[in-house]
Amino acid sequence: MRKPGWLPTAIVINILRPSDERNPGVKVSRQDVVKISEANGASFVSLPYETWSPTWEPKIIPPFEVIDGQHRLWSFSKSDDPSFELPVVAFHGLDISWQAYLFWTINIKPKRINWRLQQ
């Protein structure tokens, strides 16, 4: 019997807006834009394809940038085992300086939880 796995820390990504540029003048293709909408206090994400295919490729650049968790994410990219759930925290339209700040905060600033205080 195998236990399904999960990872307790999230993959942190940035979703590019149509106006965001990477490398001077390079933007996400209109066909690859991720649409974010809100209704009744909830946010909805619409991906740039109807059905996921492992052969999907962006026309120019990917609409997502991985800020943190790339090693965990890439380790599953060739896996045939779908039993792991990867939690994701998504930001929308962050510039490079905000992404660098988040990466630094996540990886340098965290403090360990003192388990003795929880008993």
PDB file of N, CA and C in Angstrom:
ATOM      1  N   MET A   1       0.845  -1.178   0.000  1.00  0.00           N
ATOM      2  CA  MET A   1       0.000   0.000   0.000  1.00  0.00           C
ATOM      3  C   MET A   1       0.889   1.239   0.000  1.00  0.00           C
ATOM      4  N   ARG A   2       0.586   2.163  -0.865  1.00  0.00           N
ATOM      5  CA  ARG A   2       1.358   3.405  -0.950  1.00  0.00           C
ATOM      6  C   ARG A   2       0.531   4.547  -0.385  1.00  0.00           C
ATOM      7  N   LYS A   3       1.191   5.428   0.312  1.00  0.00           N
ATOM      8  CA  LYS A   3       0.501   6.602   0.850  1.00  0.00           C
ATOM      9  C   LYS A   3       0.546   7.714  -0.183  1.00  0.00           C
ATOM     10  N   PRO A   4      -0.571   8.395  -0.415  1.00  0.00           N
ATOM     11  CA  PRO A   4      -0.485   9.574  -1.290  1.00  0.00           C
ATOM     12  C   PRO A   4       0.306  10.646  -0.577  1.00  0.00           C
ATOM     13  N   GLY A   5       1.079  11.384  -1.312  1.00  0.00           N
ATOM     14  CA  GLY A   5       1.942  12.385  -0.696  1.00  0.00           C
ATOM     15  C   GLY A   5       1.412  13.790  -0.873  1.00  0.00           C
ATOM     16  N   TRP A   6       1.959  14.669  -0.105  1.00  0.00           N
ATOM     17  CA  TRP A   6       1.691  16.094  -0.277  1.00  0.00           C
ATOM     18  C   TRP A   6       2.892  16.842   0.244  1.00  0.00           C
ATOM     19  N   LEU A   7       3.065  18.028  -0.263  1.00  0.00           N
ATOM     20  CA  LEU A   7       4.180  18.863   0.165  1.00  0.00           C
ATOM     21  C   LEU A   7       3.617  20.028   0.963  1.00  0.00           C
ATOM     22  N   PRO A   8       4.115  20.267   2.162  1.00  0.00           N
ATOM     23  CA  PRO A   8       3.520  21.275   3.035  1.00  0.00           C
ATOM     24  C   PRO A   8       3.813  22.719   2.643  1.00  0.00           C
ATOM     25  N   THR A   9       4.803  22.956   1.817  1.00  0.00           N
ATOM     26  CA  THR A   9       5.076  24.330   1.419  1.00  0.00           C
ATOM     27  C   THR A   9       4.693  24.528  -0.037  1.00  0.00           C
ATOM     28  N   ALA A  10       4.174  25.684  -0.325  1.00  0.00           N
ATOM     29  CA  ALA A  10       3.615  25.958  -1.644  1.00  0.00           C
ATOM     30  C   ALA A  10       4.679  26.287  -2.683  1.00  0.00           C
ATOM     31  N   ILE A  11       4.330  25.993  -3.915  1.00  0.00           N
ATOM     32  CA  ILE A  11       5.056  26.513  -5.066  1.00  0.00           C
ATOM     33  C   ILE A  11       4.555  27.960  -5.205  1.00  0.00           C
ATOM     34  N   VAL A  12       5.442  28.916  -5.341  1.00  0.00           N
ATOM     35  CA  VAL A  12       5.046  30.325  -5.446  1.00  0.00           C
ATOM     36  C   VAL A  12       5.312  30.784  -6.873  1.00  0.00           C
ATOM     37  N   ILE A  13       4.262  31.284  -7.534  1.00  0.00           N
ATOM     38  CA  ILE A  13       4.385  31.701  -8.925  1.00  0.00           C
ATOM     39  C   ILE A  13       3.893  33.126  -9.125  1.00  0.00           C
ATOM     40  N   ASN A  14       4.290  33.692 -10.244  1.00  0.00           N
ATOM     41  CA  ASN A  14       3.769  34.971 -10.707  1.00  0.00           C
ATOM     42  C   ASN A  14       3.074  34.708 -12.037  1.00  0.00           C
ATOM     43  N   ILE A  15       1.863  35.213 -12.178  1.00  0.00           N
ATOM     44  CA  ILE A  15       1.130  35.114 -13.441  1.00  0.00           C
ATOM     45  C   ILE A  15       1.344  36.429 -14.182  1.00  0.00           C
ATOM     46  N   LEU A  16       1.899  36.336 -15.373  1.00  0.00           N
ATOM     47  CA  LEU A  16       2.170  37.544 -16.156  1.00  0.00           C
ATOM     48  C   LEU A  16       0.882  38.142 -16.719  1.00  0.00           C
ATOM     49  N   ARG A  17       0.793  39.452 -16.677  1.00  0.00           N
ATOM     50  CA  ARG A  17      -0.298  40.171 -17.327  1.00  0.00           C
ATOM     51  C   ARG A  17       0.060  40.391 -18.792  1.00  0.00           C
ATOM     52  N   PRO A  18      -0.904  40.667 -19.643  1.00  0.00           N
ATOM     53  CA  PRO A  18      -0.597  40.920 -21.056  1.00  0.00           C
ATOM     54  C   PRO A  18       0.392  42.060 -21.261  1.00  0.00           C
ATOM     55  N   SER A  19       0.406  43.034 -20.363  1.00  0.00           N
ATOM     56  CA  SER A  19       1.290  44.194 -20.516  1.00  0.00           C
ATOM     57  C   SER A  19       2.689  43.990 -19.933  1.00  0.00           C
ATOM     58  N   ASP A  20       2.905  42.906 -19.170  1.00  0.00           N
ATOM     59  CA  ASP A  20       4.213  42.664 -18.552  1.00  0.00           C
ATOM     60  C   ASP A  20       5.254  42.303 -19.600  1.00  0.00           C
ATOM     61  N   GLU A  21       6.425  42.945 -19.501  1.00  0.00           N
ATOM     62  CA  GLU A  21       7.531  42.667 -20.430  1.00  0.00           C
ATOM     63  C   GLU A  21       8.666  41.964 -19.703  1.00  0.00           C
ATOM     64  N   ARG A  22       9.236  40.977 -20.366  1.00  0.00           N
ATOM     65  CA  ARG A  22      10.435  40.310 -19.888  1.00  0.00           C
ATOM     66  C   ARG A  22      11.442  40.380 -21.019  1.00  0.00           C
ATOM     67  N   ASN A  23      12.695  40.669 -20.672  1.00  0.00           N
ATOM     68  CA  ASN A  23      13.675  40.983 -21.712  1.00  0.00           C
ATOM     69  C   ASN A  23      13.024  42.091 -22.542  1.00  0.00           C
ATOM     70  N   PRO A  24      13.702  43.129 -22.839  1.00  0.00           N
ATOM     71  CA  PRO A  24      13.047  44.286 -23.461  1.00  0.00           C
ATOM     72  C   PRO A  24      12.115  43.917 -24.612  1.00  0.00           C
ATOM     73  N   GLY A  25      10.843  44.268 -24.419  1.00  0.00           N
ATOM     74  CA  GLY A  25       9.842  44.108 -25.463  1.00  0.00           C
ATOM     75  C   GLY A  25       9.199  42.742 -25.598  1.00  0.00           C
ATOM     76  N   VAL A  26       9.565  41.757 -24.774  1.00  0.00           N
ATOM     77  CA  VAL A  26       9.004  40.414 -24.896  1.00  0.00           C
ATOM     78  C   VAL A  26       7.809  40.275 -23.952  1.00  0.00           C
ATOM     79  N   LYS A  27       6.659  39.937 -24.519  1.00  0.00           N
ATOM     80  CA  LYS A  27       5.433  39.777 -23.746  1.00  0.00           C
ATOM     81  C   LYS A  27       4.817  38.405 -24.018  1.00  0.00           C
ATOM     82  N   VAL A  28       3.918  38.007 -23.138  1.00  0.00           N
ATOM     83  CA  VAL A  28       3.173  36.766 -23.333  1.00  0.00           C
ATOM     84  C   VAL A  28       2.264  36.943 -24.552  1.00  0.00           C
ATOM     85  N   SER A  29       2.215  35.927 -25.391  1.00  0.00           N
ATOM     86  CA  SER A  29       1.321  35.949 -26.548  1.00  0.00           C
ATOM     87  C   SER A  29      -0.129  36.063 -26.077  1.00  0.00           C
ATOM     88  N   ARG A  30      -0.950  36.754 -26.820  1.00  0.00           N
ATOM     89  CA  ARG A  30      -2.378  36.881 -26.471  1.00  0.00           C
ATOM     90  C   ARG A  30      -3.028  35.505 -26.294  1.00  0.00           C
ATOM     91  N   GLN A  31      -2.587  34.532 -27.070  1.00  0.00           N
ATOM     92  CA  GLN A  31      -3.151  33.178 -26.987  1.00  0.00           C
ATOM     93  C   GLN A  31      -2.773  32.475 -25.685  1.00  0.00           C
ATOM     94  N   ASP A  32      -1.713  32.928 -25.023  1.00  0.00           N
ATOM     95  CA  ASP A  32      -1.219  32.271 -23.818  1.00  0.00           C
ATOM     96  C   ASP A  32      -1.542  33.007 -22.523  1.00  0.00           C
ATOM     97  N   VAL A  33      -2.270  34.098 -22.611  1.00  0.00           N
ATOM     98  CA  VAL A  33      -2.587  34.885 -21.421  1.00  0.00           C
ATOM     99  C   VAL A  33      -3.512  34.091 -20.499  1.00  0.00           C
ATOM    100  N   VAL A  34      -3.184  34.105 -19.214  1.00  0.00           N
ATOM    101  CA  VAL A  34      -4.024  33.497 -18.184  1.00  0.00           C
ATOM    102  C   VAL A  34      -5.013  34.565 -17.749  1.00  0.00           C
ATOM    103  N   LYS A  35      -6.284  34.226 -17.792  1.00  0.00           N
ATOM    104  CA  LYS A  35      -7.328  35.197 -17.423  1.00  0.00           C
ATOM    105  C   LYS A  35      -7.727  34.984 -15.966  1.00  0.00           C
ATOM    106  N   ILE A  36      -7.802  36.091 -15.242  1.00  0.00           N
ATOM    107  CA  ILE A  36      -8.224  36.054 -13.842  1.00  0.00           C
ATOM    108  C   ILE A  36      -9.473  36.905 -13.724  1.00  0.00           C
ATOM    109  N   SER A  37     -10.523  36.305 -13.171  1.00  0.00           N
ATOM    110  CA  SER A  37     -11.780  37.022 -13.002  1.00  0.00           C
ATOM    111  C   SER A  37     -12.255  36.846 -11.559  1.00  0.00           C
ATOM    112  N   GLU A  38     -13.146  37.717 -11.170  1.00  0.00           N
ATOM    113  CA  GLU A  38     -13.688  37.660  -9.816  1.00  0.00           C
ATOM    114  C   GLU A  38     -15.198  37.687  -9.876  1.00  0.00           C
ATOM    115  N   ALA A  39     -15.812  36.897  -8.994  1.00  0.00           N
ATOM    116  CA  ALA A  39     -17.265  36.881  -8.872  1.00  0.00           C
ATOM    117  C   ALA A  39     -17.615  36.439  -7.460  1.00  0.00           C
ATOM    118  N   ASN A  40     -18.508  37.168  -6.835  1.00  0.00           N
ATOM    119  CA  ASN A  40     -18.979  36.837  -5.488  1.00  0.00           C
ATOM    120  C   ASN A  40     -17.838  36.652  -4.484  1.00  0.00           C
ATOM    121  N   GLY A  41     -16.825  37.492  -4.585  1.00  0.00           N
ATOM    122  CA  GLY A  41     -15.716  37.451  -3.645  1.00  0.00           C
ATOM    123  C   GLY A  41     -14.698  36.349  -3.887  1.00  0.00           C
ATOM    124  N   ALA A  42     -14.848  35.606  -4.973  1.00  0.00           N
ATOM    125  CA  ALA A  42     -13.895  34.532  -5.291  1.00  0.00           C
ATOM    126  C   ALA A  42     -13.162  34.870  -6.581  1.00  0.00           C
ATOM    127  N   SER A  43     -11.922  34.426  -6.671  1.00  0.00           N
ATOM    128  CA  SER A  43     -11.132  34.622  -7.889  1.00  0.00           C
ATOM    129  C   SER A  43     -11.104  33.328  -8.685  1.00  0.00           C
ATOM    130  N   PHE A  44     -11.145  33.461 -10.005  1.00  0.00           N
ATOM    131  CA  PHE A  44     -11.126  32.313 -10.897  1.00  0.00           C
ATOM    132  C   PHE A  44      -9.990  32.472 -11.898  1.00  0.00           C
ATOM    133  N   VAL A  45      -9.288  31.394 -12.146  1.00  0.00           N
ATOM    134  CA  VAL A  45      -8.164  31.400 -13.075  1.00  0.00           C
ATOM    135  C   VAL A  45      -8.551  30.563 -14.287  1.00  0.00           C
ATOM    136  N   SER A  46      -8.434  31.149 -15.480  1.00  0.00           N
ATOM    137  CA  SER A  46      -8.691  30.428 -16.729  1.00  0.00           C
ATOM    138  C   SER A  46      -7.372  30.252 -17.452  1.00  0.00           C
ATOM    139  N   LEU A  47      -6.970  28.995 -17.643  1.00  0.00           N
ATOM    140  CA  LEU A  47      -5.702  28.692 -18.294  1.00  0.00           C
ATOM    141  C   LEU A  47      -5.818  28.861 -19.812  1.00  0.00           C
ATOM    142  N   PRO A  48      -4.689  29.010 -20.508  1.00  0.00           N
ATOM    143  CA  PRO A  48      -4.724  29.314 -21.943  1.00  0.00           C
ATOM    144  C   PRO A  48      -4.959  28.099 -22.848  1.00  0.00           C
ATOM    145  N   TYR A  49      -5.554  27.051 -22.321  1.00  0.00           N
ATOM    146  CA  TYR A  49      -5.866  25.883 -23.134  1.00  0.00           C
ATOM    147  C   TYR A  49      -7.130  25.244 -22.579  1.00  0.00           C
ATOM    148  N   GLU A  50      -7.848  24.541 -23.440  1.00  0.00           N
ATOM    149  CA  GLU A  50      -9.081  23.867 -23.021  1.00  0.00           C
ATOM    150  C   GLU A  50      -8.777  22.639 -22.164  1.00  0.00           C
ATOM    151  N   THR A  51      -7.863  21.813 -22.656  1.00  0.00           N
ATOM    152  CA  THR A  51      -7.503  20.576 -21.984  1.00  0.00           C
ATOM    153  C   THR A  51      -5.985  20.506 -21.878  1.00  0.00           C
ATOM    154  N   TRP A  52      -5.501  20.111 -20.708  1.00  0.00           N
ATOM    155  CA  TRP A  52      -4.057  20.030 -20.502  1.00  0.00           C
ATOM    156  C   TRP A  52      -3.457  18.954 -21.391  1.00  0.00           C
ATOM    157  N   SER A  53      -2.340  19.275 -21.976  1.00  0.00           N
ATOM    158  CA  SER A  53      -1.558  18.318 -22.753  1.00  0.00           C
ATOM    159  C   SER A  53      -0.094  18.506 -22.375  1.00  0.00           C
ATOM    160  N   PRO A  54       0.642  17.416 -22.148  1.00  0.00           N
ATOM    161  CA  PRO A  54       2.062  17.569 -21.800  1.00  0.00           C
ATOM    162  C   PRO A  54       2.882  18.149 -22.943  1.00  0.00           C
ATOM    163  N   THR A  55       2.301  18.254 -24.119  1.00  0.00           N
ATOM    164  CA  THR A  55       3.025  18.820 -25.264  1.00  0.00           C
ATOM    165  C   THR A  55       2.730  20.308 -25.455  1.00  0.00           C
ATOM    166  N   TRP A  56       1.902  20.907 -24.560  1.00  0.00           N
ATOM    167  CA  TRP A  56       1.577  22.326 -24.704  1.00  0.00           C
ATOM    168  C   TRP A  56       2.846  23.158 -24.575  1.00  0.00           C
ATOM    169  N   GLU A  57       3.001  24.114 -25.439  1.00  0.00           N
ATOM    170  CA  GLU A  57       4.146  25.033 -25.419  1.00  0.00           C
ATOM    171  C   GLU A  57       3.625  26.456 -25.611  1.00  0.00           C
ATOM    172  N   PRO A  58       4.177  27.431 -24.880  1.00  0.00           N
ATOM    173  CA  PRO A  58       3.758  28.816 -25.112  1.00  0.00           C
ATOM    174  C   PRO A  58       4.278  29.301 -26.456  1.00  0.00           C
ATOM    175  N   LYS A  59       3.566  30.250 -27.054  1.00  0.00           N
ATOM    176  CA  LYS A  59       3.976  30.793 -28.359  1.00  0.00           C
ATOM    177  C   LYS A  59       5.285  31.586 -28.246  1.00  0.00           C
ATOM    178  N   ILE A  60       5.421  32.378 -27.172  1.00  0.00           N
ATOM    179  CA  ILE A  60       6.618  33.218 -27.003  1.00  0.00           C
ATOM    180  C   ILE A  60       7.294  32.892 -25.674  1.00  0.00           C
ATOM    181  N   ILE A  61       6.692  33.326 -24.568  1.00  0.00           N
ATOM    182  CA  ILE A  61       7.209  33.005 -23.231  1.00  0.00           C
ATOM    183  C   ILE A  61       6.064  32.442 -22.399  1.00  0.00           C
ATOM    184  N   PRO A  62       6.381  31.638 -21.393  1.00  0.00           N
ATOM    185  CA  PRO A  62       5.325  31.079 -20.542  1.00  0.00           C
ATOM    186  C   PRO A  62       4.583  32.182 -19.770  1.00  0.00           C
ATOM    187  N   PRO A  63       3.298  31.978 -19.502  1.00  0.00           N
ATOM    188  CA  PRO A  63       2.534  32.972 -18.747  1.00  0.00           C
ATOM    189  C   PRO A  63       2.795  32.923 -17.243  1.00  0.00           C
ATOM    190  N   PHE A  64       3.567  31.935 -16.787  1.00  0.00           N
ATOM    191  CA  PHE A  64       3.891  31.787 -15.365  1.00  0.00           C
ATOM    192  C   PHE A  64       5.387  31.917 -15.146  1.00  0.00           C
ATOM    193  N   GLU A  65       5.754  32.525 -14.023  1.00  0.00           N
ATOM    194  CA  GLU A  65       7.147  32.564 -13.582  1.00  0.00           C
ATOM    195  C   GLU A  65       7.186  31.926 -12.197  1.00  0.00           C
ATOM    196  N   VAL A  66       8.070  30.972 -11.998  1.00  0.00           N
ATOM    197  CA  VAL A  66       8.184  30.317 -10.699  1.00  0.00           C
ATOM    198  C   VAL A  66       9.123  31.147  -9.827  1.00  0.00           C
ATOM    199  N   ILE A  67       8.597  31.634  -8.720  1.00  0.00           N
ATOM    200  CA  ILE A  67       9.374  32.440  -7.783  1.00  0.00           C
ATOM    201  C   ILE A  67      10.099  31.540  -6.788  1.00  0.00           C
ATOM    202  N   ASP A  68       9.405  30.538  -6.278  1.00  0.00           N
ATOM    203  CA  ASP A  68      10.011  29.616  -5.326  1.00  0.00           C
ATOM    204  C   ASP A  68       9.353  28.251  -5.474  1.00  0.00           C
ATOM    205  N   GLY A  69      10.145  27.216  -5.264  1.00  0.00           N
ATOM    206  CA  GLY A  69       9.635  25.853  -5.343  1.00  0.00           C
ATOM    207  C   GLY A  69       9.937  25.175  -6.657  1.00  0.00           C
ATOM    208  N   GLN A  70      10.804  25.789  -7.474  1.00  0.00           N
ATOM    209  CA  GLN A  70      11.078  25.220  -8.797  1.00  0.00           C
ATOM    210  C   GLN A  70      11.666  23.818  -8.704  1.00  0.00           C
ATOM    211  N   HIS A  71      12.477  23.549  -7.696  1.00  0.00           N
ATOM    212  CA  HIS A  71      13.072  22.211  -7.588  1.00  0.00           C
ATOM    213  C   HIS A  71      12.004  21.164  -7.299  1.00  0.00           C
ATOM    214  N   ARG A  72      11.063  21.499  -6.423  1.00  0.00           N
ATOM    215  CA  ARG A  72       9.958  20.571  -6.148  1.00  0.00           C
ATOM    216  C   ARG A  72       9.104  20.384  -7.392  1.00  0.00           C
ATOM    217  N   LEU A  73       8.815  21.474  -8.065  1.00  0.00           N
ATOM    218  CA  LEU A  73       7.972  21.414  -9.259  1.00  0.00           C
ATOM    219  C   LEU A  73       8.640  20.620 -10.371  1.00  0.00           C
ATOM    220  N   TRP A  74       9.891  20.925 -10.668  1.00  0.00           N
ATOM    221  CA  TRP A  74      10.593  20.240 -11.762  1.00  0.00           C
ATOM    222  C   TRP A  74      10.790  18.756 -11.442  1.00  0.00           C
ATOM    223  N   SER A  75      10.912  18.397 -10.167  1.00  0.00           N
ATOM    224  CA  SER A  75      11.115  16.989  -9.823  1.00  0.00           C
ATOM    225  C   SER A  75       9.901  16.143 -10.200  1.00  0.00           C
ATOM    226  N   PHE A  76       8.740  16.768 -10.299  1.00  0.00           N
ATOM    227  CA  PHE A  76       7.535  16.042 -10.681  1.00  0.00           C
ATOM    228  C   PHE A  76       7.239  16.137 -12.175  1.00  0.00           C
ATOM    229  N   SER A  77       7.998  16.897 -12.918  1.00  0.00           N
ATOM    230  CA  SER A  77       7.677  17.134 -14.330  1.00  0.00           C
ATOM    231  C   SER A  77       7.750  15.875 -15.176  1.00  0.00           C
ATOM    232  N   LYS A  78       8.571  14.928 -14.798  1.00  0.00           N
ATOM    233  CA  LYS A  78       8.706  13.681 -15.568  1.00  0.00           C
ATOM    234  C   LYS A  78       8.014  12.511 -14.875  1.00  0.00           C
ATOM    235  N   SER A  79       7.291  12.791 -13.806  1.00  0.00           N
ATOM    236  CA  SER A  79       6.673  11.734 -13.020  1.00  0.00           C
ATOM    237  C   SER A  79       5.369  11.246 -13.643  1.00  0.00           C
ATOM    238  N   ASP A  80       5.151   9.954 -13.561  1.00  0.00           N
ATOM    239  CA  ASP A  80       3.879   9.372 -13.978  1.00  0.00           C
ATOM    240  C   ASP A  80       2.961   9.180 -12.786  1.00  0.00           C
ATOM    241  N   ASP A  81       3.407   9.593 -11.610  1.00  0.00           N
ATOM    242  CA  ASP A  81       2.653   9.395 -10.380  1.00  0.00           C
ATOM    243  C   ASP A  81       1.885  10.665 -10.010  1.00  0.00           C
ATOM    244  N   PRO A  82       0.575  10.680 -10.255  1.00  0.00           N
ATOM    245  CA  PRO A  82      -0.207  11.889  -9.968  1.00  0.00           C
ATOM    246  C   PRO A  82      -0.703  11.968  -8.525  1.00  0.00           C
ATOM    247  N   SER A  83      -0.149  11.156  -7.617  1.00  0.00           N
ATOM    248  CA  SER A  83      -0.693  11.101  -6.266  1.00  0.00           C
ATOM    249  C   SER A  83      -0.199  12.224  -5.361  1.00  0.00           C
ATOM    250  N   PHE A  84       0.652  13.102  -5.860  1.00  0.00           N
ATOM    251  CA  PHE A  84       1.107  14.226  -5.065  1.00  0.00           C
ATOM    252  C   PHE A  84       0.334  15.474  -5.442  1.00  0.00           C
ATOM    253  N   GLU A  85      -0.097  16.204  -4.437  1.00  0.00           N
ATOM    254  CA  GLU A  85      -0.729  17.487  -4.674  1.00  0.00           C
ATOM    255  C   GLU A  85       0.296  18.564  -4.365  1.00  0.00           C
ATOM    256  N   LEU A  86       0.414  19.526  -5.259  1.00  0.00           N
ATOM    257  CA  LEU A  86       1.360  20.618  -5.069  1.00  0.00           C
ATOM    258  C   LEU A  86       0.568  21.894  -4.813  1.00  0.00           C
ATOM    259  N   PRO A  87       0.582  22.390  -3.578  1.00  0.00           N
ATOM    260  CA  PRO A  87      -0.117  23.645  -3.320  1.00  0.00           C
ATOM    261  C   PRO A  87       0.604  24.790  -4.032  1.00  0.00           C
ATOM    262  N   VAL A  88      -0.173  25.734  -4.529  1.00  0.00           N
ATOM    263  CA  VAL A  88       0.390  26.854  -5.280  1.00  0.00           C
ATOM    264  C   VAL A  88      -0.166  28.162  -4.724  1.00  0.00           C
ATOM    265  N   VAL A  89       0.726  29.118  -4.516  1.00  0.00           N
ATOM    266  CA  VAL A  89       0.331  30.492  -4.198  1.00  0.00           C
ATOM    267  C   VAL A  89       0.671  31.300  -5.435  1.00  0.00           C
ATOM    268  N   ALA A  90      -0.327  31.977  -5.985  1.00  0.00           N
ATOM    269  CA  ALA A  90      -0.119  32.718  -7.228  1.00  0.00           C
ATOM    270  C   ALA A  90      -0.267  34.218  -6.991  1.00  0.00           C
ATOM    271  N   PHE A  91       0.699  34.958  -7.507  1.00  0.00           N
ATOM    272  CA  PHE A  91       0.626  36.411  -7.546  1.00  0.00           C
ATOM    273  C   PHE A  91       0.364  36.804  -8.988  1.00  0.00           C
ATOM    274  N   HIS A  92      -0.078  38.025  -9.197  1.00  0.00           N
ATOM    275  CA  HIS A  92      -0.439  38.461 -10.545  1.00  0.00           C
ATOM    276  C   HIS A  92       0.243  39.784 -10.864  1.00  0.00           C
ATOM    277  N   GLY A  93       1.108  39.762 -11.875  1.00  0.00           N
ATOM    278  CA  GLY A  93       1.712  40.990 -12.360  1.00  0.00           C
ATOM    279  C   GLY A  93       2.826  41.557 -11.502  1.00  0.00           C
ATOM    280  N   LEU A  94       3.562  40.704 -10.805  1.00  0.00           N
ATOM    281  CA  LEU A  94       4.680  41.206 -10.001  1.00  0.00           C
ATOM    282  C   LEU A  94       5.876  41.530 -10.893  1.00  0.00           C
ATOM    283  N   ASP A  95       6.551  42.620 -10.579  1.00  0.00           N
ATOM    284  CA  ASP A  95       7.786  42.906 -11.320  1.00  0.00           C
ATOM    285  C   ASP A  95       8.922  42.092 -10.701  1.00  0.00           C
ATOM    286  N   ILE A  96      10.072  42.127 -11.334  1.00  0.00           N
ATOM    287  CA  ILE A  96      11.206  41.308 -10.915  1.00  0.00           C
ATOM    288  C   ILE A  96      11.666  41.657  -9.497  1.00  0.00           C
ATOM    289  N   SER A  97      11.626  42.945  -9.124  1.00  0.00           N
ATOM    290  CA  SER A  97      12.090  43.313  -7.784  1.00  0.00           C
ATOM    291  C   SER A  97      11.178  42.730  -6.701  1.00  0.00           C
ATOM    292  N   TRP A  98       9.876  42.694  -6.921  1.00  0.00           N
ATOM    293  CA  TRP A  98       8.958  42.087  -5.955  1.00  0.00           C
ATOM    294  C   TRP A  98       9.192  40.587  -5.871  1.00  0.00           C
ATOM    295  N   GLN A  99       9.448  39.964  -7.012  1.00  0.00           N
ATOM    296  CA  GLN A  99       9.711  38.525  -7.008  1.00  0.00           C
ATOM    297  C   GLN A  99      10.987  38.213  -6.222  1.00  0.00           C
ATOM    298  N   ALA A 100      12.017  39.020  -6.417  1.00  0.00           N
ATOM    299  CA  ALA A 100      13.270  38.827  -5.687  1.00  0.00           C
ATOM    300  C   ALA A 100      13.038  39.009  -4.193  1.00  0.00           C
ATOM    301  N   TYR A 101      12.249  40.003  -3.803  1.00  0.00           N
ATOM    302  CA  TYR A 101      11.944  40.238  -2.399  1.00  0.00           C
ATOM    303  C   TYR A 101      11.199  39.043  -1.801  1.00  0.00           C
ATOM    304  N   LEU A 102      10.211  38.522  -2.519  1.00  0.00           N
ATOM    305  CA  LEU A 102       9.471  37.361  -2.022  1.00  0.00           C
ATOM    306  C   LEU A 102      10.387  36.156  -1.869  1.00  0.00           C
ATOM    307  N   PHE A 103      11.227  35.910  -2.858  1.00  0.00           N
ATOM    308  CA  PHE A 103      12.164  34.794  -2.778  1.00  0.00           C
ATOM    309  C   PHE A 103      13.055  34.928  -1.548  1.00  0.00           C
ATOM    310  N   TRP A 104      13.595  36.116  -1.334  1.00  0.00           N
ATOM    311  CA  TRP A 104      14.454  36.376  -0.181  1.00  0.00           C
ATOM    312  C   TRP A 104      13.690  36.157   1.119  1.00  0.00           C
ATOM    313  N   THR A 105      12.473  36.678   1.198  1.00  0.00           N
ATOM    314  CA  THR A 105      11.670  36.546   2.410  1.00  0.00           C
ATOM    315  C   THR A 105      11.358  35.091   2.707  1.00  0.00           C
ATOM    316  N   ILE A 106      11.005  34.335   1.686  1.00  0.00           N
ATOM    317  CA  ILE A 106      10.655  32.918   1.864  1.00  0.00           C
ATOM    318  C   ILE A 106      11.870  32.104   2.289  1.00  0.00           C
ATOM    319  N   ASN A 107      13.010  32.368   1.696  1.00  0.00           N
ATOM    320  CA  ASN A 107      14.180  31.508   1.898  1.00  0.00           C
ATOM    321  C   ASN A 107      15.166  31.982   2.957  1.00  0.00           C
ATOM    322  N   ILE A 108      15.199  33.253   3.266  1.00  0.00           N
ATOM    323  CA  ILE A 108      16.181  33.777   4.206  1.00  0.00           C
ATOM    324  C   ILE A 108      15.551  34.172   5.535  1.00  0.00           C
ATOM    325  N   LYS A 109      14.379  34.754   5.490  1.00  0.00           N
ATOM    326  CA  LYS A 109      13.764  35.315   6.678  1.00  0.00           C
ATOM    327  C   LYS A 109      12.990  34.349   7.573  1.00  0.00           C
ATOM    328  N   PRO A 110      12.567  33.169   7.127  1.00  0.00           N
ATOM    329  CA  PRO A 110      11.664  32.377   7.986  1.00  0.00           C
ATOM    330  C   PRO A 110      12.323  31.969   9.300  1.00  0.00           C
ATOM    331  N   LYS A 111      11.489  31.828  10.309  1.00  0.00           N
ATOM    332  CA  LYS A 111      11.964  31.374  11.612  1.00  0.00           C
ATOM    333  C   LYS A 111      11.298  30.029  11.908  1.00  0.00           C
ATOM    334  N   ARG A 112      12.053  29.181  12.543  1.00  0.00           N
ATOM    335  CA  ARG A 112      11.510  27.877  12.901  1.00  0.00           C
ATOM    336  C   ARG A 112      10.422  28.040  13.966  1.00  0.00           C
ATOM    337  N   ILE A 113       9.456  27.157  13.912  1.00  0.00           N
ATOM    338  CA  ILE A 113       8.411  27.126  14.933  1.00  0.00           C
ATOM    339  C   ILE A 113       8.956  26.368  16.136  1.00  0.00           C
ATOM    340  N   ASN A 114       8.808  26.964  17.301  1.00  0.00           N
ATOM    341  CA  ASN A 114       9.272  26.309  18.516  1.00  0.00           C
ATOM    342  C   ASN A 114       8.199  25.314  18.956  1.00  0.00           C
ATOM    343  N   TRP A 115       8.452  24.033  18.715  1.00  0.00           N
ATOM    344  CA  TRP A 115       7.474  22.995  19.029  1.00  0.00           C
ATOM    345  C   TRP A 115       7.228  22.878  20.521  1.00  0.00           C
ATOM    346  N   ARG A 116       8.175  23.312  21.351  1.00  0.00           N
ATOM    347  CA  ARG A 116       8.002  23.239  22.803  1.00  0.00           C
ATOM    348  C   ARG A 116       6.898  24.176  23.293  1.00  0.00           C
ATOM    349  N   LEU A 117       6.671  25.251  22.584  1.00  0.00           N
ATOM    350  CA  LEU A 117       5.620  26.185  22.980  1.00  0.00           C
ATOM    351  C   LEU A 117       4.247  25.648  22.650  1.00  0.00           C
ATOM    352  N   GLN A 118       4.170  24.636  21.815  1.00  0.00           N
ATOM    353  CA  GLN A 118       2.871  24.111  21.383  1.00  0.00           C
ATOM    354  C   GLN A 118       2.392  22.939  22.231  1.00  0.00           C
ATOM    355  N   GLN A 119       3.146  22.538  23.217  1.00  0.00           N
ATOM    356  CA  GLN A 119       2.739  21.377  24.042  1.00  0.00           C
ATOM    357  C   GLN A 119       1.828  21.798  25.149  1.00  0.00           C
TER     358      GLN A 119
END
